[in-house]
Amino acid sequence: MRLVDELIKANEQYASAFSHGDLGPPPRRQLAVVGCMDSRMTVEEMLGLKTGDAHIIRNAGGVVTEDVIRSLLISHHLLGTRDFVIINHTECGMLTFQDAELRERLERQSGTAVISPEHFYAFTDPVANVRRQMQKLRAHPWIPREIAIAGLIFDVRTGRLSEVTP
């Protein structure tokens, strides 16, 4: 059985008890979260959120990219979010390489160079990375000053969050 067949079968059970059909696009908690895609991070559970409480935007490293900014602008200006939270974590895979070496490896393996992605956004310190992402958001002219921007680090060994000061 293909993995996608297993997923569709699991969805049949999920859909049979589905109870979120009445939720609208604006998140109830007026919250948008930018987090790493790491499979050890169950964002809703770690923050005590329920389906419909927040917009969750995930990518490798929890990095504020052009697409994340696009999503956050829509989240705020069209759907009413007022708080942004950025979450990175300990033992992140983004700590294990540098952009240039990954680009060289991929070019070697494929035999070709590409123009996209231009950056992989590797980093060496999750706390410094969260601060950098918070600064990117704070500096964007379309993100109002009244938006609360917080940063957190998730410890993958203990499950605890710690706040990052700007």
Protein backbone atom coordinates (compact mmCIF):
# COMPACT_ATOMS: atom_id res chain seq x y z
CA MET A 1 0.00 0.00 0.00
CA ARG A 2 1.30 3.46 -0.91
CA LEU A 3 1.72 5.99 1.87
CA VAL A 4 -0.86 8.29 0.28
CA ASP A 5 -3.38 5.42 0.39
CA GLU A 6 -2.75 5.05 4.13
CA LEU A 7 -3.25 8.79 4.58
CA ILE A 8 -6.52 8.79 2.65
CA LYS A 9 -7.75 5.83 4.68
CA ALA A 10 -6.87 7.61 7.93
CA ASN A 11 -8.71 10.67 6.64
CA GLU A 12 -11.91 8.65 6.25
CA GLN A 13 -11.95 8.09 10.01
CA TYR A 14 -11.06 11.74 10.68
CA ALA A 15 -13.81 12.99 8.36
CA SER A 16 -16.42 10.74 9.98
CA ALA A 17 -16.06 12.71 13.23
CA PHE A 18 -15.16 16.09 11.68
CA SER A 19 -16.65 18.94 13.67
CA HIS A 20 -14.84 22.05 12.43
CA GLY A 21 -16.94 22.80 9.35
CA ASP A 22 -18.39 25.91 10.98
CA LEU A 23 -15.02 27.60 11.58
CA GLY A 24 -14.21 30.71 9.54
CA PRO A 25 -10.80 31.80 8.23
CA PRO A 26 -10.01 34.38 10.98
CA PRO A 27 -8.29 32.66 13.89
CA ARG A 28 -10.21 32.90 17.17
CA ARG A 29 -7.13 33.88 19.19
CA GLN A 30 -6.04 36.50 16.59
CA LEU A 31 -2.66 34.77 16.57
CA ALA A 32 -0.21 33.83 13.80
CA VAL A 33 2.68 31.48 14.56
CA VAL A 34 5.81 31.05 12.44
CA GLY A 35 7.59 27.84 13.34
CA CYS A 36 10.07 25.31 12.10
CA MET A 37 8.78 22.35 10.11
CA ASP A 38 10.54 19.90 12.47
CA SER A 39 8.29 16.90 13.06
CA ARG A 40 9.02 16.95 16.80
CA MET A 41 7.16 20.24 17.15
CA THR A 42 3.40 19.86 17.51
CA VAL A 43 2.69 23.56 17.53
CA GLU A 44 -0.96 23.53 18.57
CA GLU A 45 -0.34 21.11 21.44
CA MET A 46 2.77 22.89 22.77
CA LEU A 47 0.90 26.21 22.87
CA GLY A 48 -2.41 24.87 24.18
CA LEU A 49 -4.21 25.82 20.96
CA LYS A 50 -7.18 24.21 19.30
CA THR A 51 -8.11 24.00 15.63
CA GLY A 52 -9.23 27.46 14.55
CA ASP A 53 -7.25 29.35 17.20
CA ALA A 54 -4.27 30.45 15.09
CA HIS A 55 -2.66 30.59 11.69
CA ILE A 56 0.34 28.25 11.72
CA ILE A 57 3.05 28.94 9.14
CA ARG A 58 5.93 26.47 9.02
CA ASN A 59 9.14 26.16 7.06
CA ALA A 60 12.69 24.88 7.56
CA GLY A 61 14.10 26.90 10.45
CA GLY A 62 11.05 29.03 11.21
CA VAL A 63 12.53 31.72 9.00
CA VAL A 64 10.73 34.92 7.99
CA THR A 65 10.99 34.65 4.21
CA GLU A 66 9.17 36.67 1.57
CA ASP A 67 6.39 34.06 1.57
CA VAL A 68 6.06 34.16 5.36
CA ILE A 69 5.75 37.95 5.24
CA ARG A 70 3.11 37.59 2.52
CA SER A 71 1.15 35.18 4.70
CA LEU A 72 1.46 37.33 7.82
CA LEU A 73 0.32 40.46 5.97
CA ILE A 74 -2.79 38.61 4.79
CA SER A 75 -3.26 37.13 8.26
CA HIS A 76 -3.20 40.55 9.89
CA HIS A 77 -4.70 42.93 7.35
CA LEU A 78 -7.44 40.64 6.02
CA LEU A 79 -8.05 38.16 8.84
CA GLY A 80 -7.44 40.18 11.99
CA THR A 81 -4.42 38.64 13.72
CA ARG A 82 -2.82 40.92 16.29
CA ASP A 83 -0.06 38.74 17.75
CA PHE A 84 2.83 37.07 15.92
CA VAL A 85 4.99 34.39 17.54
CA ILE A 86 8.18 32.92 16.07
CA ILE A 87 9.27 29.51 17.35
CA ASN A 88 12.64 27.85 16.77
CA HIS A 89 13.93 24.82 18.66
CA THR A 90 16.97 23.07 20.02
CA GLU A 91 18.80 20.50 17.88
CA CYS A 92 17.52 22.07 14.67
CA GLY A 93 18.71 20.60 11.38
CA MET A 94 19.45 24.15 10.18
CA LEU A 95 22.43 24.13 12.57
CA THR A 96 24.09 21.24 10.72
CA PHE A 97 25.11 22.91 7.45
CA GLN A 98 26.01 26.16 5.76
CA ASP A 99 24.16 27.50 2.74
CA ALA A 100 27.20 27.39 0.43
CA GLU A 101 28.08 23.78 1.25
CA LEU A 102 24.50 22.57 0.71
CA ARG A 103 24.30 24.45 -2.60
CA GLU A 104 27.61 22.88 -3.74
CA ARG A 105 26.42 19.40 -2.70
CA LEU A 106 23.14 19.74 -4.58
CA GLU A 107 24.91 21.10 -7.67
CA ARG A 108 27.34 18.15 -7.55
CA GLN A 109 24.55 15.60 -7.13
CA SER A 110 22.34 17.04 -9.86
CA GLY A 111 25.07 18.22 -12.21
CA THR A 112 23.43 21.63 -12.56
CA ALA A 113 23.19 25.02 -10.88
CA VAL A 114 19.86 26.74 -10.24
CA ILE A 115 18.74 30.25 -9.34
CA SER A 116 16.15 29.17 -6.77
CA PRO A 117 16.30 28.84 -3.84
CA GLU A 118 18.73 31.69 -3.54
CA HIS A 119 19.15 31.05 0.22
CA PHE A 120 18.60 28.11 2.58
CA TYR A 121 18.89 30.36 5.68
CA ALA A 122 21.09 28.06 7.76
CA PHE A 123 22.08 29.47 11.15
CA THR A 124 24.33 28.62 14.07
CA ASP A 125 22.29 29.85 17.05
CA PRO A 126 18.51 29.40 17.39
CA VAL A 127 18.16 32.30 19.85
CA ALA A 128 20.03 34.68 17.54
CA ASN A 129 17.94 33.39 14.63
CA VAL A 130 14.67 34.09 16.46
CA ARG A 131 15.88 37.62 17.25
CA ARG A 132 16.80 38.14 13.58
CA GLN A 133 13.35 36.98 12.45
CA MET A 134 11.64 39.24 14.99
CA GLN A 135 13.71 42.18 13.70
CA LYS A 136 12.71 41.40 10.10
CA LEU A 137 9.05 41.60 11.07
CA ARG A 138 9.45 44.72 13.20
CA ALA A 139 11.28 46.49 10.35
CA HIS A 140 8.66 45.73 7.70
CA PRO A 141 6.72 48.91 6.86
CA TRP A 142 3.40 47.08 6.37
CA ILE A 143 3.44 45.41 9.78
CA PRO A 144 1.92 47.91 12.23
CA ARG A 145 3.80 48.80 15.40
CA GLU A 146 0.87 47.63 17.54
CA ILE A 147 1.38 44.02 16.43
CA ALA A 148 2.86 42.08 19.35
CA ILE A 149 5.85 40.04 18.17
CA ALA A 150 7.24 37.36 20.48
CA GLY A 151 9.97 34.77 20.08
CA LEU A 152 10.22 31.34 21.67
CA ILE A 153 12.64 28.41 21.74
CA PHE A 154 11.22 24.90 22.10
CA ASP A 155 13.45 22.37 23.83
CA VAL A 156 12.97 19.09 21.95
CA ARG A 157 14.21 17.08 24.96
CA THR A 158 11.98 18.57 27.67
CA GLY A 159 9.04 20.03 25.70
CA ARG A 160 9.52 23.38 27.44
CA LEU A 161 9.36 26.79 25.82
CA SER A 162 11.56 29.73 26.76
CA GLU A 163 11.00 33.30 25.64
CA VAL A 164 13.58 35.12 23.54
CA THR A 165 13.94 38.82 24.33
CA PRO A 166 14.21 41.10 21.28
